[in-house]
Protein backbone atom coordinates (compact mmCIF):
# COMPACT_ATOMS: atom_id res chain seq x y z
CA MET A 1 23.64 -53.44 144.64
CA SER A 2 26.10 -52.16 142.02
CA ILE A 3 26.54 -48.94 144.07
CA LYS A 4 27.47 -50.92 147.16
CA LYS A 5 30.00 -53.03 145.09
CA SER A 6 31.49 -50.06 143.48
CA LEU A 7 31.88 -48.23 146.84
CA TRP A 8 33.47 -51.30 148.18
CA GLN A 9 35.87 -51.51 145.37
CA LEU A 10 36.74 -47.80 145.70
CA SER A 11 37.33 -48.16 149.40
CA LEU A 12 39.47 -51.23 148.88
CA THR A 13 41.55 -49.52 146.12
CA LEU A 14 41.98 -46.34 148.36
CA SER A 15 43.08 -48.47 151.37
CA MET A 16 45.61 -50.36 149.31
CA GLY A 17 46.88 -47.08 147.90
CA VAL A 18 47.25 -45.49 151.35
CA SER A 19 48.97 -48.72 152.57
CA LEU A 20 51.48 -48.67 149.75
CA CYS A 21 52.18 -44.95 150.43
CA VAL A 22 52.83 -45.50 154.18
CA ILE A 23 55.08 -48.45 153.38
CA ALA A 24 57.01 -46.42 150.80
CA GLY A 25 57.36 -43.56 153.23
CA TRP A 26 58.71 -45.78 155.93
CA SER A 27 61.24 -47.37 153.56
CA THR A 28 62.43 -43.99 152.58
CA ILE A 29 62.84 -42.87 156.21
CA ALA A 30 64.61 -46.11 157.06
CA SER A 31 67.02 -45.83 154.06
CA ALA A 32 67.73 -42.24 154.97
CA GLN A 33 68.77 -43.28 158.45
CA TYR A 34 70.91 -46.25 157.40
CA ARG A 35 74.67 -45.77 157.21
CA ALA A 36 76.83 -48.49 155.55
CA PRO A 37 79.65 -49.56 157.77
CA GLN A 38 83.06 -48.68 156.56
CA ASP A 39 84.70 -51.85 157.72
CA ASP A 40 82.21 -54.29 156.21
CA GLY A 41 81.40 -55.67 159.66
CA PHE A 42 84.94 -57.02 160.33
CA GLN A 43 87.40 -55.82 162.90
CA SER A 44 90.78 -54.95 161.47
CA ASN A 45 92.28 -58.39 162.42
CA GLU A 46 89.37 -60.48 161.05
CA GLN A 47 89.14 -61.91 157.61
CA ASP A 48 86.24 -62.93 155.54
CA PRO A 49 85.79 -66.64 156.17
CA LEU A 50 84.53 -67.40 152.58
CA LEU A 51 87.08 -65.52 150.59
CA GLY A 52 89.99 -65.60 153.02
CA GLY A 53 92.34 -62.83 152.38
CA GLY A 54 95.52 -61.58 154.07
CA SER A 55 99.04 -62.53 153.23
CA ASN A 56 98.59 -66.34 153.06
CA GLY A 57 96.71 -66.06 149.78
CA PHE A 58 94.21 -68.96 150.57
CA ASN A 59 91.00 -68.42 148.68
CA PRO A 60 88.75 -71.40 148.54
CA ILE A 61 86.71 -70.09 145.61
CA ASP A 62 89.90 -69.49 143.64
CA ILE A 63 91.03 -73.08 144.35
CA ILE A 64 87.75 -74.50 143.16
CA HIS A 65 87.80 -72.33 140.06
CA ARG A 66 91.34 -73.57 139.30
CA ALA A 67 90.28 -77.23 139.86
CA ASN A 68 87.45 -76.87 137.45
CA LEU A 69 89.73 -75.42 134.78
CA SER A 70 92.48 -78.10 135.29
CA ASN A 71 90.59 -80.67 133.15
CA GLY A 72 91.76 -83.42 135.54
CA ARG A 73 95.49 -82.75 135.18
CA SER A 74 97.77 -83.26 138.06
CA LEU A 75 100.08 -80.50 139.27
CA GLU A 76 103.06 -82.40 137.57
CA GLN A 77 101.23 -82.60 134.29
CA PHE A 78 100.47 -78.94 134.44
CA SER A 79 104.03 -78.03 135.35
CA THR A 80 105.30 -80.14 132.35
CA ASP A 81 102.77 -78.61 129.93
CA SER A 82 103.67 -75.06 131.12
CA GLU A 83 107.31 -75.77 130.78
CA ALA A 84 106.96 -77.10 127.26
CA THR A 85 104.84 -74.14 126.23
CA LEU A 86 107.36 -71.69 127.76
CA LYS A 87 110.11 -73.43 125.87
CA ASP A 88 108.33 -73.31 122.59
CA SER A 89 107.44 -69.62 122.99
CA ALA A 90 111.11 -68.87 123.95
CA SER A 91 112.35 -70.75 120.80
CA GLU A 92 109.93 -68.84 118.53
CA PHE A 93 110.88 -65.54 120.02
CA LYS A 94 114.61 -66.16 119.46
CA ARG A 95 113.89 -67.32 115.90
CA LEU A 96 111.93 -64.19 115.14
CA GLN A 97 114.53 -62.16 116.84
CA GLN A 98 117.31 -63.62 114.64
CA GLU A 99 115.36 -63.08 111.52
CA ARG A 100 114.88 -59.43 112.26
CA LEU A 101 118.57 -58.90 113.09
CA LEU A 102 119.39 -60.49 109.78
CA GLN A 103 117.03 -58.22 108.02
CA GLN A 104 118.40 -55.18 109.76
CA GLN A 105 122.02 -56.18 108.96
CA SER A 106 121.27 -56.84 105.22
CA ALA A 107 119.34 -53.62 104.84
CA PRO A 108 122.16 -51.17 105.65
CA SER A 109 124.65 -52.99 103.35
CA SER A 110 122.28 -52.56 100.41
CA LEU A 111 122.07 -48.96 101.16
CA GLU A 112 125.90 -48.57 101.33
CA SER A 113 126.33 -50.15 97.93
CA THR A 114 123.99 -47.77 96.08
CA PRO A 115 125.97 -44.82 94.53
CA GLU A 116 125.19 -41.32 95.75
CA ASN A 117 125.05 -38.28 93.42
């Protein structure tokens, strides 16, 4: 009885191996014949309905992303915050620029006052 069982297991294993080889061969042949389309399946005047595109700039996923990042602020609040940040940054830039100009102006005067040999 053990011989029949071992023969049955051997035949089952071989048949599964042959089946896998046949399936692998078919997939190789199918992939060798497949050519990816260059136009992604759209005609030149069509757009992807999910991502939009074109010159109008409408992208629903981008809108959802921006809404999630807005933390519940309105457009007016966002604009006010952005303007305040921009003004602060500009003031800081001007302050640093004035400091550097003063440093540059004071550096040459100290060089001129030193006696040369």
